[in-house]
Amino acid sequence: MPKHVTVDSFKADVLESTKPVLVDFWAEWCGPCRMVSPILDQIKAEHGDKIDIVKVNVDEQGELAAEYKVTGIPLLAVFENGQIVKQIVGAKPKPALEADLAQWLG
């Protein structure tokens, strides 16, 4: 299960991570977000040694959503060395997500 990150823990959990971090910007009421969640759990179970996966609830962490200009959810953002290096908007099936994330899962 991915860790839930807050404004207070974002710097340590994401920006200062020594490995890539996929941040799932989501909300409880978002149907596509709920579709992506179990897929991310599977990817974390299979590839957690290569990439961290964390969740940010945009309703509870509006400051982070604003800072990273989250206008549509689910928004999956890959951070490396404190910077966003890839963004994936919307729900996708597992094979498509794995293809989008291949360079970090390999």
PDB file of N, CA and C in Angstrom:
ATOM      1  N   MET A   1       0.845  -1.189   0.000  1.00  0.00           N
ATOM      2  CA  MET A   1       0.000   0.000   0.000  1.00  0.00           C
ATOM      3  C   MET A   1       0.884   1.245   0.000  1.00  0.00           C
ATOM      4  N   PRO A   2       0.720   2.114  -0.980  1.00  0.00           N
ATOM      5  CA  PRO A   2       1.537   3.336  -1.008  1.00  0.00           C
ATOM      6  C   PRO A   2       1.293   4.221   0.208  1.00  0.00           C
ATOM      7  N   LYS A   3       2.345   4.899   0.604  1.00  0.00           N
ATOM      8  CA  LYS A   3       2.306   5.814   1.740  1.00  0.00           C
ATOM      9  C   LYS A   3       1.544   7.082   1.359  1.00  0.00           C
ATOM     10  N   HIS A   4       0.762   7.607   2.303  1.00  0.00           N
ATOM     11  CA  HIS A   4       0.078   8.879   2.089  1.00  0.00           C
ATOM     12  C   HIS A   4       0.999  10.004   2.551  1.00  0.00           C
ATOM     13  N   VAL A   5       1.272  10.921   1.639  1.00  0.00           N
ATOM     14  CA  VAL A   5       2.219  11.999   1.887  1.00  0.00           C
ATOM     15  C   VAL A   5       1.457  13.304   2.111  1.00  0.00           C
ATOM     16  N   THR A   6       1.981  14.121   3.007  1.00  0.00           N
ATOM     17  CA  THR A   6       1.372  15.419   3.326  1.00  0.00           C
ATOM     18  C   THR A   6       2.356  16.535   2.993  1.00  0.00           C
ATOM     19  N   VAL A   7       1.888  17.757   3.147  1.00  0.00           N
ATOM     20  CA  VAL A   7       2.760  18.922   2.967  1.00  0.00           C
ATOM     21  C   VAL A   7       4.006  18.767   3.847  1.00  0.00           C
ATOM     22  N   ASP A   8       3.805  18.292   5.072  1.00  0.00           N
ATOM     23  CA  ASP A   8       4.911  18.181   6.030  1.00  0.00           C
ATOM     24  C   ASP A   8       5.925  17.106   5.659  1.00  0.00           C
ATOM     25  N   SER A   9       5.477  16.029   5.008  1.00  0.00           N
ATOM     26  CA  SER A   9       6.403  14.930   4.713  1.00  0.00           C
ATOM     27  C   SER A   9       6.863  14.895   3.255  1.00  0.00           C
ATOM     28  N   PHE A  10       6.307  15.763   2.396  1.00  0.00           N
ATOM     29  CA  PHE A  10       6.589  15.722   0.960  1.00  0.00           C
ATOM     30  C   PHE A  10       8.077  15.888   0.663  1.00  0.00           C
ATOM     31  N   LYS A  11       8.723  16.836   1.332  1.00  0.00           N
ATOM     32  CA  LYS A  11      10.141  17.096   1.060  1.00  0.00           C
ATOM     33  C   LYS A  11      10.979  15.853   1.333  1.00  0.00           C
ATOM     34  N   ALA A  12      10.796  15.252   2.506  1.00  0.00           N
ATOM     35  CA  ALA A  12      11.592  14.075   2.871  1.00  0.00           C
ATOM     36  C   ALA A  12      11.216  12.859   2.031  1.00  0.00           C
ATOM     37  N   ASP A  13       9.921  12.640   1.815  1.00  0.00           N
ATOM     38  CA  ASP A  13       9.463  11.430   1.130  1.00  0.00           C
ATOM     39  C   ASP A  13       9.639  11.475  -0.384  1.00  0.00           C
ATOM     40  N   VAL A  14       9.586  12.669  -0.959  1.00  0.00           N
ATOM     41  CA  VAL A  14       9.613  12.780  -2.420  1.00  0.00           C
ATOM     42  C   VAL A  14      10.848  13.541  -2.901  1.00  0.00           C
ATOM     43  N   LEU A  15      10.986  14.768  -2.480  1.00  0.00           N
ATOM     44  CA  LEU A  15      12.030  15.632  -3.040  1.00  0.00           C
ATOM     45  C   LEU A  15      13.439  15.175  -2.666  1.00  0.00           C
ATOM     46  N   GLU A  16      13.595  14.576  -1.485  1.00  0.00           N
ATOM     47  CA  GLU A  16      14.923  14.155  -1.040  1.00  0.00           C
ATOM     48  C   GLU A  16      15.157  12.651  -1.196  1.00  0.00           C
ATOM     49  N   SER A  17      14.231  11.953  -1.857  1.00  0.00           N
ATOM     50  CA  SER A  17      14.375  10.507  -2.043  1.00  0.00           C
ATOM     51  C   SER A  17      15.587  10.198  -2.911  1.00  0.00           C
ATOM     52  N   THR A  18      16.261   9.097  -2.583  1.00  0.00           N
ATOM     53  CA  THR A  18      17.432   8.695  -3.372  1.00  0.00           C
ATOM     54  C   THR A  18      17.036   7.879  -4.601  1.00  0.00           C
ATOM     55  N   LYS A  19      15.754   7.476  -4.681  1.00  0.00           N
ATOM     56  CA  LYS A  19      15.302   6.772  -5.878  1.00  0.00           C
ATOM     57  C   LYS A  19      14.088   7.499  -6.445  1.00  0.00           C
ATOM     58  N   PRO A  20      13.716   7.201  -7.693  1.00  0.00           N
ATOM     59  CA  PRO A  20      12.553   7.872  -8.289  1.00  0.00           C
ATOM     60  C   PRO A  20      11.298   7.621  -7.454  1.00  0.00           C
ATOM     61  N   VAL A  21      10.418   8.618  -7.441  1.00  0.00           N
ATOM     62  CA  VAL A  21       9.166   8.523  -6.691  1.00  0.00           C
ATOM     63  C   VAL A  21       8.009   8.862  -7.620  1.00  0.00           C
ATOM     64  N   LEU A  22       7.035   7.966  -7.694  1.00  0.00           N
ATOM     65  CA  LEU A  22       5.809   8.232  -8.435  1.00  0.00           C
ATOM     66  C   LEU A  22       4.786   8.756  -7.426  1.00  0.00           C
ATOM     67  N   VAL A  23       4.326   9.973  -7.651  1.00  0.00           N
ATOM     68  CA  VAL A  23       3.334  10.578  -6.761  1.00  0.00           C
ATOM     69  C   VAL A  23       1.973  10.489  -7.444  1.00  0.00           C
ATOM     70  N   ASP A  24       1.035   9.847  -6.762  1.00  0.00           N
ATOM     71  CA  ASP A  24      -0.334   9.711  -7.249  1.00  0.00           C
ATOM     72  C   ASP A  24      -1.170  10.817  -6.609  1.00  0.00           C
ATOM     73  N   PHE A  25      -1.441  11.867  -7.389  1.00  0.00           N
ATOM     74  CA  PHE A  25      -2.336  12.938  -6.923  1.00  0.00           C
ATOM     75  C   PHE A  25      -3.758  12.452  -7.183  1.00  0.00           C
ATOM     76  N   TRP A  26      -4.574  12.302  -6.126  1.00  0.00           N
ATOM     77  CA  TRP A  26      -5.882  11.663  -6.238  1.00  0.00           C
ATOM     78  C   TRP A  26      -6.868  12.321  -5.272  1.00  0.00           C
ATOM     79  N   ALA A  27      -8.128  11.878  -5.360  1.00  0.00           N
ATOM     80  CA  ALA A  27      -9.167  12.293  -4.410  1.00  0.00           C
ATOM     81  C   ALA A  27     -10.135  11.139  -4.202  1.00  0.00           C
ATOM     82  N   GLU A  28     -10.745  11.109  -3.026  1.00  0.00           N
ATOM     83  CA  GLU A  28     -11.668  10.039  -2.638  1.00  0.00           C
ATOM     84  C   GLU A  28     -12.838   9.897  -3.622  1.00  0.00           C
ATOM     85  N   TRP A  29     -13.348  11.024  -4.123  1.00  0.00           N
ATOM     86  CA  TRP A  29     -14.543  11.040  -4.971  1.00  0.00           C
ATOM     87  C   TRP A  29     -14.243  10.730  -6.437  1.00  0.00           C
ATOM     88  N   CYS A  30     -12.990  10.550  -6.781  1.00  0.00           N
ATOM     89  CA  CYS A  30     -12.564  10.396  -8.183  1.00  0.00           C
ATOM     90  C   CYS A  30     -12.586   8.925  -8.594  1.00  0.00           C
ATOM     91  N   GLY A  31     -13.544   8.557  -9.455  1.00  0.00           N
ATOM     92  CA  GLY A  31     -13.665   7.183  -9.925  1.00  0.00           C
ATOM     93  C   GLY A  31     -12.410   6.659 -10.614  1.00  0.00           C
ATOM     94  N   PRO A  32     -11.860   7.389 -11.589  1.00  0.00           N
ATOM     95  CA  PRO A  32     -10.637   6.913 -12.245  1.00  0.00           C
ATOM     96  C   PRO A  32      -9.471   6.737 -11.262  1.00  0.00           C
ATOM     97  N   CYS A  33      -9.431   7.575 -10.218  1.00  0.00           N
ATOM     98  CA  CYS A  33      -8.375   7.432  -9.201  1.00  0.00           C
ATOM     99  C   CYS A  33      -8.495   6.082  -8.508  1.00  0.00           C
ATOM    100  N   ARG A  34      -9.728   5.689  -8.211  1.00  0.00           N
ATOM    101  CA  ARG A  34      -9.960   4.408  -7.539  1.00  0.00           C
ATOM    102  C   ARG A  34      -9.618   3.242  -8.474  1.00  0.00           C
ATOM    103  N   MET A  35      -9.741   3.445  -9.782  1.00  0.00           N
ATOM    104  CA  MET A  35      -9.372   2.398 -10.743  1.00  0.00           C
ATOM    105  C   MET A  35      -7.844   2.226 -10.801  1.00  0.00           C
ATOM    106  N   VAL A  36      -7.117   3.309 -10.690  1.00  0.00           N
ATOM    107  CA  VAL A  36      -5.657   3.274 -10.800  1.00  0.00           C
ATOM    108  C   VAL A  36      -5.017   2.732  -9.518  1.00  0.00           C
ATOM    109  N   SER A  37      -5.643   2.958  -8.381  1.00  0.00           N
ATOM    110  CA  SER A  37      -5.040   2.618  -7.093  1.00  0.00           C
ATOM    111  C   SER A  37      -4.573   1.163  -6.978  1.00  0.00           C
ATOM    112  N   PRO A  38      -5.410   0.158  -7.314  1.00  0.00           N
ATOM    113  CA  PRO A  38      -4.917  -1.226  -7.191  1.00  0.00           C
ATOM    114  C   PRO A  38      -3.803  -1.546  -8.183  1.00  0.00           C
ATOM    115  N   ILE A  39      -3.792  -0.871  -9.321  1.00  0.00           N
ATOM    116  CA  ILE A  39      -2.715  -1.069 -10.301  1.00  0.00           C
ATOM    117  C   ILE A  39      -1.397  -0.561  -9.714  1.00  0.00           C
ATOM    118  N   LEU A  40      -1.462   0.599  -9.053  1.00  0.00           N
ATOM    119  CA  LEU A  40      -0.254   1.145  -8.428  1.00  0.00           C
ATOM    120  C   LEU A  40       0.220   0.243  -7.291  1.00  0.00           C
ATOM    121  N   ASP A  41      -0.722  -0.352  -6.551  1.00  0.00           N
ATOM    122  CA  ASP A  41      -0.349  -1.307  -5.498  1.00  0.00           C
ATOM    123  C   ASP A  41       0.435  -2.472  -6.097  1.00  0.00           C
ATOM    124  N   GLN A  42      -0.019  -2.979  -7.260  1.00  0.00           N
ATOM    125  CA  GLN A  42       0.664  -4.096  -7.929  1.00  0.00           C
ATOM    126  C   GLN A  42       2.054  -3.678  -8.400  1.00  0.00           C
ATOM    127  N   ILE A  43       2.139  -2.490  -9.009  1.00  0.00           N
ATOM    128  CA  ILE A  43       3.442  -2.014  -9.498  1.00  0.00           C
ATOM    129  C   ILE A  43       4.402  -1.835  -8.324  1.00  0.00           C
ATOM    130  N   LYS A  44       3.900  -1.293  -7.211  1.00  0.00           N
ATOM    131  CA  LYS A  44       4.743  -1.125  -6.020  1.00  0.00           C
ATOM    132  C   LYS A  44       5.229  -2.487  -5.515  1.00  0.00           C
ATOM    133  N   ALA A  45       4.339  -3.479  -5.487  1.00  0.00           N
ATOM    134  CA  ALA A  45       4.719  -4.811  -5.014  1.00  0.00           C
ATOM    135  C   ALA A  45       5.788  -5.438  -5.915  1.00  0.00           C
ATOM    136  N   GLU A  46       5.674  -5.194  -7.217  1.00  0.00           N
ATOM    137  CA  GLU A  46       6.578  -5.809  -8.179  1.00  0.00           C
ATOM    138  C   GLU A  46       7.871  -5.022  -8.386  1.00  0.00           C
ATOM    139  N   HIS A  47       7.829  -3.707  -8.211  1.00  0.00           N
ATOM    140  CA  HIS A  47       8.977  -2.864  -8.567  1.00  0.00           C
ATOM    141  C   HIS A  47       9.370  -1.887  -7.462  1.00  0.00           C
ATOM    142  N   GLY A  48       8.919  -2.137  -6.239  1.00  0.00           N
ATOM    143  CA  GLY A  48       9.176  -1.217  -5.130  1.00  0.00           C
ATOM    144  C   GLY A  48      10.644  -0.998  -4.816  1.00  0.00           C
ATOM    145  N   ASP A  49      11.498  -1.916  -5.279  1.00  0.00           N
ATOM    146  CA  ASP A  49      12.931  -1.736  -5.059  1.00  0.00           C
ATOM    147  C   ASP A  49      13.516  -0.679  -5.995  1.00  0.00           C
ATOM    148  N   LYS A  50      12.811  -0.381  -7.103  1.00  0.00           N
ATOM    149  CA  LYS A  50      13.327   0.554  -8.096  1.00  0.00           C
ATOM    150  C   LYS A  50      12.671   1.935  -8.024  1.00  0.00           C
ATOM    151  N   ILE A  51      11.390   1.956  -7.630  1.00  0.00           N
ATOM    152  CA  ILE A  51      10.639   3.218  -7.614  1.00  0.00           C
ATOM    153  C   ILE A  51       9.709   3.214  -6.406  1.00  0.00           C
ATOM    154  N   ASP A  52       9.677   4.331  -5.697  1.00  0.00           N
ATOM    155  CA  ASP A  52       8.722   4.488  -4.598  1.00  0.00           C
ATOM    156  C   ASP A  52       7.402   4.991  -5.177  1.00  0.00           C
ATOM    157  N   ILE A  53       6.300   4.612  -4.566  1.00  0.00           N
ATOM    158  CA  ILE A  53       4.991   5.112  -4.973  1.00  0.00           C
ATOM    159  C   ILE A  53       4.309   5.658  -3.728  1.00  0.00           C
ATOM    160  N   VAL A  54       3.900   6.927  -3.811  1.00  0.00           N
ATOM    161  CA  VAL A  54       3.210   7.576  -2.695  1.00  0.00           C
ATOM    162  C   VAL A  54       1.945   8.241  -3.216  1.00  0.00           C
ATOM    163  N   LYS A  55       1.037   8.567  -2.298  1.00  0.00           N
ATOM    164  CA  LYS A  55      -0.243   9.174  -2.677  1.00  0.00           C
ATOM    165  C   LYS A  55      -0.384  10.543  -2.010  1.00  0.00           C
ATOM    166  N   VAL A  56      -0.957  11.485  -2.749  1.00  0.00           N
ATOM    167  CA  VAL A  56      -1.292  12.801  -2.214  1.00  0.00           C
ATOM    168  C   VAL A  56      -2.776  13.045  -2.471  1.00  0.00           C
ATOM    169  N   ASN A  57      -3.544  13.161  -1.403  1.00  0.00           N
ATOM    170  CA  ASN A  57      -4.971  13.465  -1.511  1.00  0.00           C
ATOM    171  C   ASN A  57      -5.106  14.965  -1.772  1.00  0.00           C
ATOM    172  N   VAL A  58      -5.557  15.330  -2.978  1.00  0.00           N
ATOM    173  CA  VAL A  58      -5.591  16.748  -3.357  1.00  0.00           C
ATOM    174  C   VAL A  58      -6.604  17.550  -2.539  1.00  0.00           C
ATOM    175  N   ASP A  59      -7.629  16.892  -2.007  1.00  0.00           N
ATOM    176  CA  ASP A  59      -8.596  17.599  -1.164  1.00  0.00           C
ATOM    177  C   ASP A  59      -7.988  17.955   0.183  1.00  0.00           C
ATOM    178  N   GLU A  60      -7.152  17.070   0.713  1.00  0.00           N
ATOM    179  CA  GLU A  60      -6.535  17.295   2.020  1.00  0.00           C
ATOM    180  C   GLU A  60      -5.228  18.067   1.912  1.00  0.00           C
ATOM    181  N   GLN A  61      -4.577  17.985   0.765  1.00  0.00           N
ATOM    182  CA  GLN A  61      -3.260  18.608   0.570  1.00  0.00           C
ATOM    183  C   GLN A  61      -3.323  19.594  -0.598  1.00  0.00           C
ATOM    184  N   GLY A  62      -4.264  20.523  -0.515  1.00  0.00           N
ATOM    185  CA  GLY A  62      -4.472  21.491  -1.591  1.00  0.00           C
ATOM    186  C   GLY A  62      -3.249  22.321  -1.907  1.00  0.00           C
ATOM    187  N   GLU A  63      -2.425  22.571  -0.898  1.00  0.00           N
ATOM    188  CA  GLU A  63      -1.210  23.353  -1.098  1.00  0.00           C
ATOM    189  C   GLU A  63      -0.262  22.644  -2.076  1.00  0.00           C
ATOM    190  N   LEU A  64      -0.128  21.329  -1.925  1.00  0.00           N
ATOM    191  CA  LEU A  64       0.721  20.563  -2.851  1.00  0.00           C
ATOM    192  C   LEU A  64       0.101  20.510  -4.242  1.00  0.00           C
ATOM    193  N   ALA A  65      -1.213  20.328  -4.301  1.00  0.00           N
ATOM    194  CA  ALA A  65      -1.898  20.291  -5.597  1.00  0.00           C
ATOM    195  C   ALA A  65      -1.687  21.611  -6.342  1.00  0.00           C
ATOM    196  N   ALA A  66      -1.774  22.716  -5.623  1.00  0.00           N
ATOM    197  CA  ALA A  66      -1.571  24.032  -6.243  1.00  0.00           C
ATOM    198  C   ALA A  66      -0.116  24.213  -6.674  1.00  0.00           C
ATOM    199  N   GLU A  67       0.802  23.819  -5.810  1.00  0.00           N
ATOM    200  CA  GLU A  67       2.228  23.994  -6.108  1.00  0.00           C
ATOM    201  C   GLU A  67       2.638  23.247  -7.373  1.00  0.00           C
ATOM    202  N   TYR A  68       2.063  22.052  -7.578  1.00  0.00           N
ATOM    203  CA  TYR A  68       2.417  21.251  -8.742  1.00  0.00           C
ATOM    204  C   TYR A  68       1.375  21.360  -9.856  1.00  0.00           C
ATOM    205  N   LYS A  69       0.537  22.374  -9.767  1.00  0.00           N
ATOM    206  CA  LYS A  69      -0.428  22.723 -10.818  1.00  0.00           C
ATOM    207  C   LYS A  69      -1.268  21.518 -11.252  1.00  0.00           C
ATOM    208  N   VAL A  70      -1.803  20.814 -10.272  1.00  0.00           N
ATOM    209  CA  VAL A  70      -2.644  19.656 -10.541  1.00  0.00           C
ATOM    210  C   VAL A  70      -4.032  20.157 -10.920  1.00  0.00           C
ATOM    211  N   THR A  71      -4.392  20.013 -12.191  1.00  0.00           N
ATOM    212  CA  THR A  71      -5.699  20.482 -12.657  1.00  0.00           C
ATOM    213  C   THR A  71      -6.635  19.333 -12.984  1.00  0.00           C
ATOM    214  N   GLY A  72      -6.089  18.154 -13.218  1.00  0.00           N
ATOM    215  CA  GLY A  72      -6.896  16.971 -13.489  1.00  0.00           C
ATOM    216  C   GLY A  72      -6.337  15.792 -12.727  1.00  0.00           C
ATOM    217  N   ILE A  73      -7.222  14.936 -12.236  1.00  0.00           N
ATOM    218  CA  ILE A  73      -6.764  13.755 -11.510  1.00  0.00           C
ATOM    219  C   ILE A  73      -7.421  12.515 -12.097  1.00  0.00           C
ATOM    220  N   PRO A  74      -6.821  11.347 -11.977  1.00  0.00           N
ATOM    221  CA  PRO A  74      -5.528  11.146 -11.326  1.00  0.00           C
ATOM    222  C   PRO A  74      -4.384  11.743 -12.155  1.00  0.00           C
ATOM    223  N   LEU A  75      -3.438  12.310 -11.441  1.00  0.00           N
ATOM    224  CA  LEU A  75      -2.198  12.780 -12.049  1.00  0.00           C
ATOM    225  C   LEU A  75      -1.074  11.996 -11.393  1.00  0.00           C
ATOM    226  N   LEU A  76      -0.350  11.267 -12.198  1.00  0.00           N
ATOM    227  CA  LEU A  76       0.804  10.524 -11.710  1.00  0.00           C
ATOM    228  C   LEU A  76       2.048  11.289 -12.146  1.00  0.00           C
ATOM    229  N   ALA A  77       2.835  11.706 -11.174  1.00  0.00           N
ATOM    230  CA  ALA A  77       4.040  12.487 -11.463  1.00  0.00           C
ATOM    231  C   ALA A  77       5.255  11.731 -10.955  1.00  0.00           C
ATOM    232  N   VAL A  78       6.228  11.524 -11.840  1.00  0.00           N
ATOM    233  CA  VAL A  78       7.477  10.874 -11.441  1.00  0.00           C
ATOM    234  C   VAL A  78       8.481  11.967 -11.105  1.00  0.00           C
ATOM    235  N   PHE A  79       9.016  11.885  -9.888  1.00  0.00           N
ATOM    236  CA  PHE A  79      10.034  12.823  -9.427  1.00  0.00           C
ATOM    237  C   PHE A  79      11.381  12.119  -9.376  1.00  0.00           C
ATOM    238  N   GLU A  80      12.395  12.804  -9.884  1.00  0.00           N
ATOM    239  CA  GLU A  80      13.780  12.355  -9.736  1.00  0.00           C
ATOM    240  C   GLU A  80      14.594  13.554  -9.296  1.00  0.00           C
ATOM    241  N   ASN A  81      15.388  13.365  -8.253  1.00  0.00           N
ATOM    242  CA  ASN A  81      16.231  14.447  -7.726  1.00  0.00           C
ATOM    243  C   ASN A  81      15.429  15.723  -7.474  1.00  0.00           C
ATOM    244  N   GLY A  82      14.209  15.552  -6.957  1.00  0.00           N
ATOM    245  CA  GLY A  82      13.396  16.705  -6.569  1.00  0.00           C
ATOM    246  C   GLY A  82      12.655  17.381  -7.701  1.00  0.00           C
ATOM    247  N   GLN A  83      12.744  16.845  -8.910  1.00  0.00           N
ATOM    248  CA  GLN A  83      12.102  17.465 -10.074  1.00  0.00           C
ATOM    249  C   GLN A  83      11.115  16.502 -10.721  1.00  0.00           C
ATOM    250  N   ILE A  84      10.023  17.041 -11.281  1.00  0.00           N
ATOM    251  CA  ILE A  84       9.103  16.206 -12.050  1.00  0.00           C
ATOM    252  C   ILE A  84       9.756  15.909 -13.402  1.00  0.00           C
ATOM    253  N   VAL A  85       9.879  14.628 -13.710  1.00  0.00           N
ATOM    254  CA  VAL A  85      10.480  14.231 -14.985  1.00  0.00           C
ATOM    255  C   VAL A  85       9.459  13.599 -15.926  1.00  0.00           C
ATOM    256  N   LYS A  86       8.288  13.247 -15.394  1.00  0.00           N
ATOM    257  CA  LYS A  86       7.228  12.696 -16.242  1.00  0.00           C
ATOM    258  C   LYS A  86       5.894  12.884 -15.542  1.00  0.00           C
ATOM    259  N   GLN A  87       4.859  13.180 -16.344  1.00  0.00           N
ATOM    260  CA  GLN A  87       3.498  13.269 -15.828  1.00  0.00           C
ATOM    261  C   GLN A  87       2.586  12.411 -16.679  1.00  0.00           C
ATOM    262  N   ILE A  88       1.701  11.676 -16.005  1.00  0.00           N
ATOM    263  CA  ILE A  88       0.709  10.843 -16.678  1.00  0.00           C
ATOM    264  C   ILE A  88      -0.643  11.265 -16.127  1.00  0.00           C
ATOM    265  N   VAL A  89      -1.529  11.726 -17.002  1.00  0.00           N
ATOM    266  CA  VAL A  89      -2.842  12.187 -16.557  1.00  0.00           C
ATOM    267  C   VAL A  89      -3.896  11.169 -16.961  1.00  0.00           C
ATOM    268  N   GLY A  90      -4.764  10.827 -16.018  1.00  0.00           N
ATOM    269  CA  GLY A  90      -5.863   9.924 -16.307  1.00  0.00           C
ATOM    270  C   GLY A  90      -5.551   8.482 -15.975  1.00  0.00           C
ATOM    271  N   ALA A  91      -6.613   7.686 -15.940  1.00  0.00           N
ATOM    272  CA  ALA A  91      -6.483   6.265 -15.625  1.00  0.00           C
ATOM    273  C   ALA A  91      -6.058   5.493 -16.867  1.00  0.00           C
ATOM    274  N   LYS A  92      -5.185   4.522 -16.666  1.00  0.00           N
ATOM    275  CA  LYS A  92      -4.730   3.662 -17.757  1.00  0.00           C
ATOM    276  C   LYS A  92      -4.662   2.235 -17.228  1.00  0.00           C
ATOM    277  N   PRO A  93      -4.794   1.249 -18.111  1.00  0.00           N
ATOM    278  CA  PRO A  93      -4.601  -0.137 -17.670  1.00  0.00           C
ATOM    279  C   PRO A  93      -3.136  -0.379 -17.297  1.00  0.00           C
ATOM    280  N   LYS A  94      -2.896  -1.427 -16.530  1.00  0.00           N
ATOM    281  CA  LYS A  94      -1.555  -1.713 -16.033  1.00  0.00           C
ATOM    282  C   LYS A  94      -0.498  -1.785 -17.139  1.00  0.00           C
ATOM    283  N   PRO A  95      -0.735  -2.503 -18.258  1.00  0.00           N
ATOM    284  CA  PRO A  95       0.313  -2.561 -19.292  1.00  0.00           C
ATOM    285  C   PRO A  95       0.694  -1.177 -19.830  1.00  0.00           C
ATOM    286  N   ALA A  96      -0.278  -0.290 -19.971  1.00  0.00           N
ATOM    287  CA  ALA A  96       0.008   1.061 -20.473  1.00  0.00           C
ATOM    288  C   ALA A  96       0.807   1.861 -19.443  1.00  0.00           C
ATOM    289  N   LEU A  97       0.443   1.724 -18.171  1.00  0.00           N
ATOM    290  CA  LEU A  97       1.198   2.421 -17.121  1.00  0.00           C
ATOM    291  C   LEU A  97       2.625   1.888 -17.043  1.00  0.00           C
ATOM    292  N   GLU A  98       2.768   0.572 -17.118  1.00  0.00           N
ATOM    293  CA  GLU A  98       4.112  -0.011 -17.072  1.00  0.00           C
ATOM    294  C   GLU A  98       4.946   0.452 -18.257  1.00  0.00           C
ATOM    295  N   ALA A  99       4.323   0.603 -19.425  1.00  0.00           N
ATOM    296  CA  ALA A  99       5.048   1.111 -20.595  1.00  0.00           C
ATOM    297  C   ALA A  99       5.492   2.550 -20.363  1.00  0.00           C
ATOM    298  N   ASP A 100       4.597   3.368 -19.788  1.00  0.00           N
ATOM    299  CA  ASP A 100       4.946   4.766 -19.498  1.00  0.00           C
ATOM    300  C   ASP A 100       6.078   4.866 -18.480  1.00  0.00           C
ATOM    301  N   LEU A 101       6.157   3.891 -17.581  1.00  0.00           N
ATOM    302  CA  LEU A 101       7.131   3.922 -16.490  1.00  0.00           C
ATOM    303  C   LEU A 101       8.318   3.010 -16.752  1.00  0.00           C
ATOM    304  N   ALA A 102       8.431   2.471 -17.960  1.00  0.00           N
ATOM    305  CA  ALA A 102       9.425   1.434 -18.260  1.00  0.00           C
ATOM    306  C   ALA A 102      10.853   1.837 -17.870  1.00  0.00           C
ATOM    307  N   GLN A 103      11.228   3.080 -18.102  1.00  0.00           N
ATOM    308  CA  GLN A 103      12.609   3.465 -17.826  1.00  0.00           C
ATOM    309  C   GLN A 103      12.930   3.403 -16.335  1.00  0.00           C
ATOM    310  N   TRP A 104      11.921   3.463 -15.477  1.00  0.00           N
ATOM    311  CA  TRP A 104      12.151   3.379 -14.039  1.00  0.00           C
ATOM    312  C   TRP A 104      11.903   1.973 -13.483  1.00  0.00           C
ATOM    313  N   LEU A 105      11.206   1.145 -14.238  1.00  0.00           N
ATOM    314  CA  LEU A 105      10.880  -0.196 -13.761  1.00  0.00           C
ATOM    315  C   LEU A 105      11.916  -1.231 -14.218  1.00  0.00           C
ATOM    316  N   GLY A 106      12.599  -0.894 -15.322  1.00  0.00           N
ATOM    317  CA  GLY A 106      13.531  -1.833 -15.942  1.00  0.00           C
ATOM    318  C   GLY A 106      14.590  -2.295 -15.010  1.00  0.00           C
TER     319      GLY A 106
END
